[in-house]
Amino acid sequence: MSAIKKTKVFILDTSAIFSGKPINLDNSRIVTTPNASKEINPGGRYYQAFQYLLERGLTIDAPSKDSINKINRISTETGDKDRLSTADREILALALDINKDPNKEAIIITDDYSIQNVAHVLEIKFETISQRGITKKFKWIYRCLGCGKKYEENIKTCPICGASTKGIISHKENIARKECDE
């Protein structure tokens, strides 16, 4: 008995549009989110490419609030929350929503490492455009540049000594990327 082939839904991050590389997704559904589309300025450098994709069938879909909340929770755990824009969180949340349908499979097209890191944790497939893609899963924390105290949350100023903080990797783990053609 053969497995039912899922319909692939490609979710475009703005980095996919900004790359300037051709996106050939014939016979596939392509989507982006409202905040991702707002990152493309009318008349700007990438606006023509965005309009072309809209003409080719790109749709703009909003994710559910439940999925946004899950992305906020998971990205806080990985330390990526402050590294993700609202548009990035929408991209990830939309993938969660799409993957709830047993007949569909979301694949995020992005070069953003924080999106890739959270997607990996949530077992959401992704493909890159210009970059190699992540090979390690990171856990980010913040360290005071003055006294060295470490914080899980992004605190800009250390409450102990008043110095600024910097994001650092507290844990990294090698990952095996799954190809989207599986």
N, C-alpha and C. Protein backbone atom coordinates (compact mmCIF):
# COMPACT_ATOMS: atom_id res chain seq x y z
N MET A 1 0.84 -1.17 0.00
CA MET A 1 0.00 0.00 0.00
C MET A 1 0.89 1.24 0.00
N SER A 2 0.68 2.15 -0.92
CA SER A 2 1.53 3.33 -1.02
C SER A 2 0.99 4.47 -0.15
N ALA A 3 1.92 5.26 0.34
CA ALA A 3 1.55 6.40 1.17
C ALA A 3 0.95 7.51 0.30
N ILE A 4 0.03 8.23 0.87
CA ILE A 4 -0.58 9.35 0.16
C ILE A 4 0.45 10.47 0.07
N LYS A 5 0.62 10.98 -1.15
CA LYS A 5 1.58 12.05 -1.35
C LYS A 5 0.94 13.37 -0.90
N LYS A 6 1.64 14.06 -0.03
CA LYS A 6 1.14 15.33 0.51
C LYS A 6 1.39 16.46 -0.49
N THR A 7 0.48 17.41 -0.50
CA THR A 7 0.65 18.61 -1.31
C THR A 7 1.65 19.51 -0.60
N LYS A 8 2.69 19.90 -1.32
CA LYS A 8 3.70 20.78 -0.74
C LYS A 8 3.22 22.23 -0.83
N VAL A 9 3.34 22.92 0.29
CA VAL A 9 3.00 24.34 0.35
C VAL A 9 4.27 25.07 0.74
N PHE A 10 4.79 25.87 -0.18
CA PHE A 10 6.03 26.61 0.06
C PHE A 10 5.68 27.97 0.65
N ILE A 11 6.28 28.26 1.80
CA ILE A 11 6.05 29.53 2.49
C ILE A 11 7.28 30.40 2.28
N LEU A 12 7.10 31.54 1.63
CA LEU A 12 8.23 32.41 1.30
C LEU A 12 8.47 33.44 2.39
N ASP A 13 9.66 33.43 2.93
CA ASP A 13 10.12 34.49 3.81
C ASP A 13 10.59 35.62 2.89
N THR A 14 10.67 36.83 3.42
CA THR A 14 11.12 37.93 2.56
C THR A 14 12.53 37.71 2.04
N SER A 15 13.37 36.95 2.76
CA SER A 15 14.72 36.69 2.26
C SER A 15 14.67 35.93 0.94
N ALA A 16 13.64 35.12 0.73
CA ALA A 16 13.49 34.39 -0.53
C ALA A 16 13.19 35.36 -1.67
N ILE A 17 12.38 36.36 -1.38
CA ILE A 17 12.05 37.36 -2.40
C ILE A 17 13.23 38.31 -2.62
N PHE A 18 13.87 38.72 -1.52
CA PHE A 18 15.01 39.65 -1.60
C PHE A 18 16.23 39.03 -2.27
N SER A 19 16.31 37.71 -2.32
CA SER A 19 17.49 37.05 -2.88
C SER A 19 17.71 37.40 -4.34
N GLY A 20 16.63 37.72 -5.05
CA GLY A 20 16.75 38.02 -6.46
C GLY A 20 16.90 36.78 -7.32
N LYS A 21 16.93 35.62 -6.69
CA LYS A 21 17.04 34.37 -7.44
C LYS A 21 15.66 33.93 -7.90
N PRO A 22 15.59 33.31 -9.07
CA PRO A 22 14.29 32.86 -9.55
C PRO A 22 13.72 31.78 -8.65
N ILE A 23 12.44 31.87 -8.40
CA ILE A 23 11.75 30.88 -7.59
C ILE A 23 10.82 30.13 -8.53
N ASN A 24 11.19 28.91 -8.86
CA ASN A 24 10.40 28.10 -9.79
C ASN A 24 9.63 27.05 -8.98
N LEU A 25 8.42 27.37 -8.68
CA LEU A 25 7.61 26.48 -7.88
C LEU A 25 6.34 26.11 -8.65
N ASP A 26 6.52 25.75 -9.91
CA ASP A 26 5.38 25.34 -10.73
C ASP A 26 4.65 24.18 -10.08
N ASN A 27 3.35 24.18 -10.24
CA ASN A 27 2.48 23.12 -9.71
C ASN A 27 2.56 22.98 -8.20
N SER A 28 2.92 24.04 -7.51
CA SER A 28 2.96 24.04 -6.06
C SER A 28 2.23 25.28 -5.57
N ARG A 29 1.75 25.20 -4.37
CA ARG A 29 1.13 26.37 -3.76
C ARG A 29 2.23 27.17 -3.07
N ILE A 30 2.23 28.49 -3.26
CA ILE A 30 3.19 29.35 -2.59
C ILE A 30 2.43 30.41 -1.81
N VAL A 31 2.86 30.63 -0.58
CA VAL A 31 2.20 31.60 0.29
C VAL A 31 3.24 32.43 1.04
N THR A 32 2.79 33.54 1.56
CA THR A 32 3.56 34.34 2.51
C THR A 32 2.56 34.89 3.50
N THR A 33 3.01 35.73 4.39
CA THR A 33 2.14 36.25 5.44
C THR A 33 1.95 37.76 5.30
N PRO A 34 0.94 38.32 5.97
CA PRO A 34 0.71 39.76 5.87
C PRO A 34 1.92 40.61 6.26
N ASN A 35 2.57 40.29 7.38
CA ASN A 35 3.72 41.10 7.79
C ASN A 35 4.93 40.90 6.90
N ALA A 36 5.10 39.71 6.33
CA ALA A 36 6.19 39.51 5.38
C ALA A 36 5.96 40.36 4.13
N SER A 37 4.71 40.42 3.67
CA SER A 37 4.42 41.23 2.48
C SER A 37 4.60 42.72 2.76
N LYS A 38 4.39 43.15 4.02
CA LYS A 38 4.57 44.56 4.38
C LYS A 38 6.04 44.97 4.38
N GLU A 39 6.95 43.99 4.44
CA GLU A 39 8.38 44.30 4.42
C GLU A 39 8.87 44.68 3.02
N ILE A 40 8.01 44.53 2.03
CA ILE A 40 8.37 44.85 0.65
C ILE A 40 7.71 46.18 0.29
N ASN A 41 8.53 47.20 0.17
CA ASN A 41 8.02 48.55 -0.07
C ASN A 41 7.53 48.71 -1.50
N PRO A 42 6.30 49.25 -1.67
CA PRO A 42 5.82 49.53 -3.03
C PRO A 42 6.80 50.45 -3.76
N GLY A 43 7.13 50.06 -4.96
CA GLY A 43 8.08 50.83 -5.76
C GLY A 43 9.53 50.55 -5.40
N GLY A 44 9.75 49.78 -4.35
CA GLY A 44 11.11 49.47 -3.93
C GLY A 44 11.78 48.48 -4.86
N ARG A 45 13.00 48.18 -4.53
CA ARG A 45 13.86 47.32 -5.36
C ARG A 45 13.26 45.94 -5.63
N TYR A 46 12.58 45.37 -4.64
CA TYR A 46 12.07 43.99 -4.77
C TYR A 46 10.57 43.94 -5.08
N TYR A 47 9.96 45.08 -5.22
CA TYR A 47 8.52 45.13 -5.42
C TYR A 47 8.08 44.43 -6.71
N GLN A 48 8.84 44.61 -7.79
CA GLN A 48 8.48 43.95 -9.05
C GLN A 48 8.50 42.44 -8.93
N ALA A 49 9.51 41.91 -8.27
CA ALA A 49 9.60 40.46 -8.08
C ALA A 49 8.42 39.97 -7.26
N PHE A 50 8.04 40.73 -6.24
CA PHE A 50 6.91 40.37 -5.40
C PHE A 50 5.61 40.39 -6.21
N GLN A 51 5.42 41.41 -7.04
CA GLN A 51 4.23 41.50 -7.88
C GLN A 51 4.16 40.34 -8.87
N TYR A 52 5.31 39.97 -9.41
CA TYR A 52 5.38 38.83 -10.32
C TYR A 52 4.93 37.55 -9.62
N LEU A 53 5.42 37.34 -8.40
CA LEU A 53 5.02 36.15 -7.64
C LEU A 53 3.52 36.16 -7.34
N LEU A 54 2.97 37.33 -7.03
CA LEU A 54 1.52 37.44 -6.81
C LEU A 54 0.75 37.04 -8.07
N GLU A 55 1.25 37.48 -9.21
CA GLU A 55 0.60 37.12 -10.49
C GLU A 55 0.71 35.62 -10.76
N ARG A 56 1.77 35.00 -10.28
CA ARG A 56 1.98 33.55 -10.49
C ARG A 56 1.22 32.70 -9.48
N GLY A 57 0.52 33.34 -8.54
CA GLY A 57 -0.30 32.58 -7.61
C GLY A 57 0.08 32.67 -6.15
N LEU A 58 1.07 33.48 -5.81
CA LEU A 58 1.43 33.67 -4.41
C LEU A 58 0.22 34.24 -3.67
N THR A 59 -0.15 33.61 -2.56
CA THR A 59 -1.24 34.12 -1.73
C THR A 59 -0.67 34.61 -0.40
N ILE A 60 -1.45 35.46 0.25
CA ILE A 60 -1.05 36.01 1.55
C ILE A 60 -2.04 35.47 2.58
N ASP A 61 -1.53 34.63 3.49
CA ASP A 61 -2.37 33.99 4.50
C ASP A 61 -1.87 34.36 5.89
N ALA A 62 -2.82 34.58 6.79
CA ALA A 62 -2.47 34.89 8.18
C ALA A 62 -2.53 33.62 9.02
N PRO A 63 -1.58 33.44 9.93
CA PRO A 63 -1.59 32.27 10.81
C PRO A 63 -2.58 32.46 11.96
N SER A 64 -2.88 31.37 12.63
CA SER A 64 -3.77 31.42 13.79
C SER A 64 -3.04 31.99 15.01
N LYS A 65 -3.80 32.55 15.92
CA LYS A 65 -3.23 33.09 17.16
C LYS A 65 -2.61 31.96 18.00
N ASP A 66 -3.24 30.77 17.98
CA ASP A 66 -2.68 29.64 18.73
C ASP A 66 -1.28 29.29 18.24
N SER A 67 -1.10 29.29 16.93
CA SER A 67 0.22 28.97 16.38
C SER A 67 1.23 30.07 16.67
N ILE A 68 0.79 31.33 16.62
CA ILE A 68 1.69 32.45 16.98
C ILE A 68 2.14 32.27 18.43
N ASN A 69 1.20 31.93 19.31
CA ASN A 69 1.55 31.73 20.72
C ASN A 69 2.55 30.59 20.89
N LYS A 70 2.37 29.51 20.13
CA LYS A 70 3.30 28.38 20.22
C LYS A 70 4.69 28.80 19.74
N ILE A 71 4.76 29.56 18.65
CA ILE A 71 6.05 30.05 18.14
C ILE A 71 6.72 30.95 19.18
N ASN A 72 5.95 31.81 19.81
CA ASN A 72 6.53 32.68 20.85
C ASN A 72 7.09 31.84 21.99
N ARG A 73 6.38 30.81 22.40
CA ARG A 73 6.84 29.95 23.49
C ARG A 73 8.12 29.19 23.09
N ILE A 74 8.10 28.55 21.92
CA ILE A 74 9.26 27.76 21.48
C ILE A 74 10.47 28.66 21.21
N SER A 75 10.25 29.81 20.59
CA SER A 75 11.38 30.70 20.29
C SER A 75 11.97 31.31 21.56
N THR A 76 11.16 31.42 22.61
CA THR A 76 11.69 31.85 23.91
C THR A 76 12.59 30.75 24.46
N GLU A 77 12.15 29.50 24.33
CA GLU A 77 12.95 28.36 24.82
C GLU A 77 14.28 28.25 24.09
N THR A 78 14.29 28.51 22.77
CA THR A 78 15.52 28.39 22.00
C THR A 78 16.39 29.64 22.09
N GLY A 79 15.81 30.72 22.62
CA GLY A 79 16.53 31.99 22.69
C GLY A 79 16.46 32.80 21.42
N ASP A 80 15.61 32.38 20.49
CA ASP A 80 15.50 33.07 19.20
C ASP A 80 14.42 34.16 19.17
N LYS A 81 13.62 34.27 20.21
CA LYS A 81 12.46 35.17 20.15
C LYS A 81 12.83 36.59 19.75
N ASP A 82 13.87 37.15 20.35
CA ASP A 82 14.26 38.52 20.03
C ASP A 82 15.00 38.62 18.71
N ARG A 83 15.35 37.49 18.12
CA ARG A 83 16.03 37.48 16.83
C ARG A 83 15.01 37.36 15.69
N LEU A 84 13.77 37.01 16.03
CA LEU A 84 12.72 36.84 15.02
C LEU A 84 11.84 38.09 14.95
N SER A 85 11.60 38.55 13.75
CA SER A 85 10.67 39.67 13.56
C SER A 85 9.24 39.14 13.65
N THR A 86 8.29 40.03 13.67
CA THR A 86 6.88 39.63 13.65
C THR A 86 6.60 38.82 12.39
N ALA A 87 7.17 39.23 11.27
CA ALA A 87 6.99 38.50 10.01
C ALA A 87 7.58 37.09 10.12
N ASP A 88 8.74 36.96 10.73
CA ASP A 88 9.37 35.65 10.91
C ASP A 88 8.49 34.72 11.74
N ARG A 89 7.94 35.26 12.82
CA ARG A 89 7.07 34.45 13.68
C ARG A 89 5.81 34.03 12.93
N GLU A 90 5.29 34.93 12.09
CA GLU A 90 4.12 34.57 11.27
C GLU A 90 4.44 33.45 10.29
N ILE A 91 5.61 33.50 9.68
CA ILE A 91 6.03 32.47 8.72
C ILE A 91 6.04 31.10 9.41
N LEU A 92 6.65 31.04 10.58
CA LEU A 92 6.72 29.78 11.33
C LEU A 92 5.33 29.32 11.78
N ALA A 93 4.51 30.24 12.24
CA ALA A 93 3.16 29.90 12.71
C ALA A 93 2.30 29.40 11.56
N LEU A 94 2.43 30.01 10.40
CA LEU A 94 1.67 29.56 9.23
C LEU A 94 2.07 28.13 8.86
N ALA A 95 3.35 27.82 8.98
CA ALA A 95 3.81 26.44 8.70
C ALA A 95 3.15 25.46 9.67
N LEU A 96 3.06 25.83 10.94
CA LEU A 96 2.38 24.97 11.91
C LEU A 96 0.92 24.74 11.50
N ASP A 97 0.25 25.81 11.10
CA ASP A 97 -1.16 25.70 10.68
C ASP A 97 -1.32 24.78 9.47
N ILE A 98 -0.46 24.96 8.49
CA ILE A 98 -0.53 24.14 7.27
C ILE A 98 -0.27 22.68 7.60
N ASN A 99 0.70 22.41 8.46
CA ASN A 99 1.05 21.03 8.80
C ASN A 99 -0.03 20.32 9.62
N LYS A 100 -1.02 21.05 10.10
CA LYS A 100 -2.14 20.41 10.81
C LYS A 100 -3.02 19.63 9.84
N ASP A 101 -2.98 20.00 8.56
CA ASP A 101 -3.74 19.29 7.53
C ASP A 101 -2.93 18.06 7.11
N PRO A 102 -3.47 16.86 7.31
CA PRO A 102 -2.69 15.65 7.00
C PRO A 102 -2.36 15.48 5.52
N ASN A 103 -2.99 16.27 4.65
CA ASN A 103 -2.75 16.16 3.21
C ASN A 103 -1.76 17.22 2.71
N LYS A 104 -1.26 18.07 3.62
CA LYS A 104 -0.36 19.15 3.21
C LYS A 104 0.93 19.09 4.01
N GLU A 105 1.99 19.61 3.39
CA GLU A 105 3.28 19.71 4.04
C GLU A 105 3.88 21.09 3.77
N ALA A 106 4.13 21.82 4.83
CA ALA A 106 4.72 23.15 4.71
C ALA A 106 6.23 23.04 4.57
N ILE A 107 6.78 23.86 3.68
CA ILE A 107 8.22 23.97 3.50
C ILE A 107 8.53 25.46 3.45
N ILE A 108 9.29 25.93 4.43
CA ILE A 108 9.64 27.34 4.50
C ILE A 108 10.87 27.59 3.63
N ILE A 109 10.79 28.62 2.79
CA ILE A 109 11.93 29.03 1.96
C ILE A 109 12.53 30.26 2.64
N THR A 110 13.72 30.09 3.21
CA THR A 110 14.35 31.18 3.97
C THR A 110 15.85 30.98 4.10
N ASP A 111 16.55 32.08 4.24
CA ASP A 111 17.97 32.04 4.58
C ASP A 111 18.19 32.50 6.02
N ASP A 112 17.13 32.78 6.73
CA ASP A 112 17.19 33.27 8.11
C ASP A 112 17.51 32.11 9.06
N TYR A 113 18.66 32.19 9.74
CA TYR A 113 19.09 31.09 10.62
C TYR A 113 18.20 30.91 11.84
N SER A 114 17.64 31.99 12.37
CA SER A 114 16.75 31.84 13.52
C SER A 114 15.45 31.15 13.12
N ILE A 115 14.92 31.47 11.95
CA ILE A 115 13.74 30.75 11.46
C ILE A 115 14.09 29.27 11.30
N GLN A 116 15.25 28.99 10.71
CA GLN A 116 15.66 27.60 10.51
C GLN A 116 15.83 26.88 11.84
N ASN A 117 16.39 27.55 12.84
CA ASN A 117 16.61 26.94 14.15
C ASN A 117 15.28 26.54 14.79
N VAL A 118 14.31 27.46 14.79
CA VAL A 118 12.99 27.16 15.38
C VAL A 118 12.27 26.12 14.53
N ALA A 119 12.37 26.23 13.20
CA ALA A 119 11.73 25.23 12.33
C ALA A 119 12.27 23.84 12.62
N HIS A 120 13.56 23.74 12.82
CA HIS A 120 14.16 22.43 13.11
C HIS A 120 13.60 21.86 14.41
N VAL A 121 13.51 22.68 15.44
CA VAL A 121 12.98 22.23 16.72
C VAL A 121 11.55 21.72 16.56
N LEU A 122 10.76 22.39 15.71
CA LEU A 122 9.36 22.02 15.50
C LEU A 122 9.16 21.00 14.38
N GLU A 123 10.27 20.51 13.82
CA GLU A 123 10.24 19.53 12.72
C GLU A 123 9.46 20.04 11.51
N ILE A 124 9.68 21.31 11.20
CA ILE A 124 9.11 21.94 10.01
C ILE A 124 10.22 21.94 8.96
N LYS A 125 9.92 21.49 7.78
CA LYS A 125 10.92 21.46 6.71
C LYS A 125 11.19 22.86 6.21
N PHE A 126 12.43 23.07 5.74
CA PHE A 126 12.81 24.35 5.15
C PHE A 126 13.86 24.12 4.08
N GLU A 127 13.91 25.06 3.17
CA GLU A 127 14.94 25.08 2.12
C GLU A 127 15.55 26.47 2.12
N THR A 128 16.80 26.55 1.69
CA THR A 128 17.49 27.83 1.63
C THR A 128 17.53 28.32 0.18
N ILE A 129 17.84 29.60 0.05
CA ILE A 129 17.96 30.22 -1.28
C ILE A 129 19.44 30.45 -1.61
N SER A 130 20.12 31.24 -0.80
CA SER A 130 21.50 31.63 -1.08
C SER A 130 22.51 31.06 -0.09
N GLN A 131 22.06 30.74 1.10
CA GLN A 131 22.94 30.27 2.16
C GLN A 131 22.94 28.74 2.22
N ARG A 132 23.89 28.20 2.94
CA ARG A 132 24.00 26.76 3.10
C ARG A 132 22.90 26.19 3.99
N GLY A 133 22.47 26.94 4.98
CA GLY A 133 21.49 26.45 5.94
C GLY A 133 22.17 25.99 7.21
N ILE A 134 21.39 25.86 8.26
CA ILE A 134 21.98 25.52 9.54
C ILE A 134 22.46 24.07 9.58
N THR A 135 23.51 23.85 10.33
CA THR A 135 24.02 22.50 10.56
C THR A 135 24.04 22.18 12.05
N LYS A 136 23.75 23.21 12.87
CA LYS A 136 23.71 23.04 14.31
C LYS A 136 22.45 23.72 14.85
N LYS A 137 21.90 23.14 15.92
CA LYS A 137 20.78 23.74 16.62
C LYS A 137 21.36 24.54 17.77
N PHE A 138 20.95 25.81 17.90
CA PHE A 138 21.49 26.69 18.93
C PHE A 138 20.49 26.96 20.03
N LYS A 139 21.02 27.21 21.22
CA LYS A 139 20.26 27.74 22.35
C LYS A 139 20.97 29.03 22.71
N TRP A 140 20.26 30.17 22.61
CA TRP A 140 20.83 31.47 22.87
C TRP A 140 20.54 31.93 24.30
N ILE A 141 21.52 32.58 24.90
CA ILE A 141 21.32 33.27 26.17
C ILE A 141 22.03 34.62 26.04
N TYR A 142 21.96 35.42 27.11
CA TYR A 142 22.56 36.75 27.08
C TYR A 142 23.53 36.88 28.25
N ARG A 143 24.72 37.45 27.97
CA ARG A 143 25.75 37.60 28.99
C ARG A 143 26.10 39.07 29.13
N CYS A 144 26.23 39.49 30.39
CA CYS A 144 26.63 40.85 30.69
C CYS A 144 28.09 41.05 30.27
N LEU A 145 28.34 42.12 29.55
CA LEU A 145 29.71 42.41 29.11
C LEU A 145 30.58 42.95 30.25
N GLY A 146 29.93 43.35 31.36
CA GLY A 146 30.67 43.86 32.51
C GLY A 146 31.01 42.77 33.51
N CYS A 147 29.99 42.24 34.17
CA CYS A 147 30.22 41.28 35.25
C CYS A 147 30.15 39.82 34.81
N GLY A 148 29.66 39.56 33.59
CA GLY A 148 29.63 38.19 33.07
C GLY A 148 28.39 37.39 33.45
N LYS A 149 27.44 37.99 34.20
CA LYS A 149 26.22 37.27 34.59
C LYS A 149 25.46 36.89 33.33
N LYS A 150 24.88 35.67 33.36
CA LYS A 150 24.13 35.17 32.20
C LYS A 150 22.63 35.23 32.47
N TYR A 151 21.87 35.56 31.42
CA TYR A 151 20.42 35.68 31.50
C TYR A 151 19.76 34.88 30.38
N GLU A 152 18.64 34.23 30.70
CA GLU A 152 17.87 33.50 29.69
C GLU A 152 17.12 34.47 28.77
N GLU A 153 16.59 35.54 29.34
CA GLU A 153 15.84 36.55 28.59
C GLU A 153 16.78 37.63 28.07
N ASN A 154 16.38 38.30 27.01
CA ASN A 154 17.18 39.38 26.45
C ASN A 154 17.01 40.63 27.31
N ILE A 155 17.93 40.82 28.21
CA ILE A 155 17.97 42.01 29.05
C ILE A 155 19.04 42.90 28.47
N LYS A 156 18.69 44.11 28.07
CA LYS A 156 19.63 45.01 27.41
C LYS A 156 20.70 45.54 28.37
N THR A 157 20.28 45.82 29.61
CA THR A 157 21.20 46.37 30.60
C THR A 157 21.20 45.47 31.83
N CYS A 158 22.36 45.10 32.29
CA CYS A 158 22.50 44.23 33.45
C CYS A 158 22.00 44.95 34.72
N PRO A 159 21.06 44.32 35.43
CA PRO A 159 20.56 44.96 36.64
C PRO A 159 21.60 44.94 37.79
N ILE A 160 22.65 44.15 37.64
CA ILE A 160 23.66 44.05 38.70
C ILE A 160 24.71 45.16 38.56
N CYS A 161 25.27 45.31 37.34
CA CYS A 161 26.36 46.28 37.19
C CYS A 161 26.06 47.41 36.21
N GLY A 162 24.96 47.30 35.45
CA GLY A 162 24.58 48.38 34.54
C GLY A 162 25.21 48.32 33.16
N ALA A 163 26.04 47.31 32.90
CA ALA A 163 26.67 47.18 31.58
C ALA A 163 25.66 46.57 30.60
N SER A 164 25.95 46.68 29.32
CA SER A 164 25.07 46.09 28.31
C SER A 164 25.31 44.58 28.21
N THR A 165 24.34 43.89 27.60
CA THR A 165 24.46 42.45 27.43
C THR A 165 24.61 42.11 25.96
N LYS A 166 25.05 40.89 25.72
CA LYS A 166 25.27 40.42 24.35
C LYS A 166 24.74 38.99 24.24
N GLY A 167 24.10 38.68 23.11
CA GLY A 167 23.63 37.32 22.87
C GLY A 167 24.80 36.39 22.61
N ILE A 168 24.78 35.24 23.28
CA ILE A 168 25.82 34.23 23.07
C ILE A 168 25.15 32.86 22.95
N ILE A 169 25.85 31.92 22.39
CA ILE A 169 25.34 30.57 22.26
C ILE A 169 25.71 29.81 23.53
N SER A 170 24.68 29.29 24.22
CA SER A 170 24.98 28.53 25.44
C SER A 170 25.06 27.04 25.16
N HIS A 171 24.44 26.61 24.08
CA HIS A 171 24.43 25.19 23.75
C HIS A 171 24.26 25.06 22.25
N LYS A 172 25.02 24.17 21.64
CA LYS A 172 24.81 23.87 20.23
C LYS A 172 24.91 22.38 20.04
N GLU A 173 24.15 21.91 19.08
CA GLU A 173 24.06 20.47 18.83
C GLU A 173 24.02 20.26 17.32
N ASN A 174 24.83 19.33 16.83
CA ASN A 174 24.81 19.01 15.40
C ASN A 174 23.44 18.46 15.02
N ILE A 175 23.01 18.82 13.83
CA ILE A 175 21.73 18.30 13.34
C ILE A 175 21.92 17.66 11.98
N ALA A 176 21.08 16.72 11.68
CA ALA A 176 21.04 16.13 10.35
C ALA A 176 19.82 16.71 9.66
N ARG A 177 20.05 17.45 8.59
CA ARG A 177 18.94 18.08 7.87
C ARG A 177 18.25 17.05 7.02
N LYS A 178 16.93 17.09 7.05
CA LYS A 178 16.13 16.21 6.19
C LYS A 178 15.89 16.95 4.88
N GLU A 179 16.10 16.27 3.81
CA GLU A 179 15.83 16.87 2.52
C GLU A 179 14.33 16.91 2.29
N CYS A 180 13.87 17.91 1.60
CA CYS A 180 12.44 18.10 1.37
C CYS A 180 11.88 17.13 0.35
N ASP A 181 12.73 16.37 -0.33
CA ASP A 181 12.26 15.43 -1.35
C ASP A 181 11.94 14.06 -0.79
N GLU A 182 12.09 13.89 0.52
CA GLU A 182 11.84 12.57 1.12
C GLU A 182 10.41 12.14 0.94
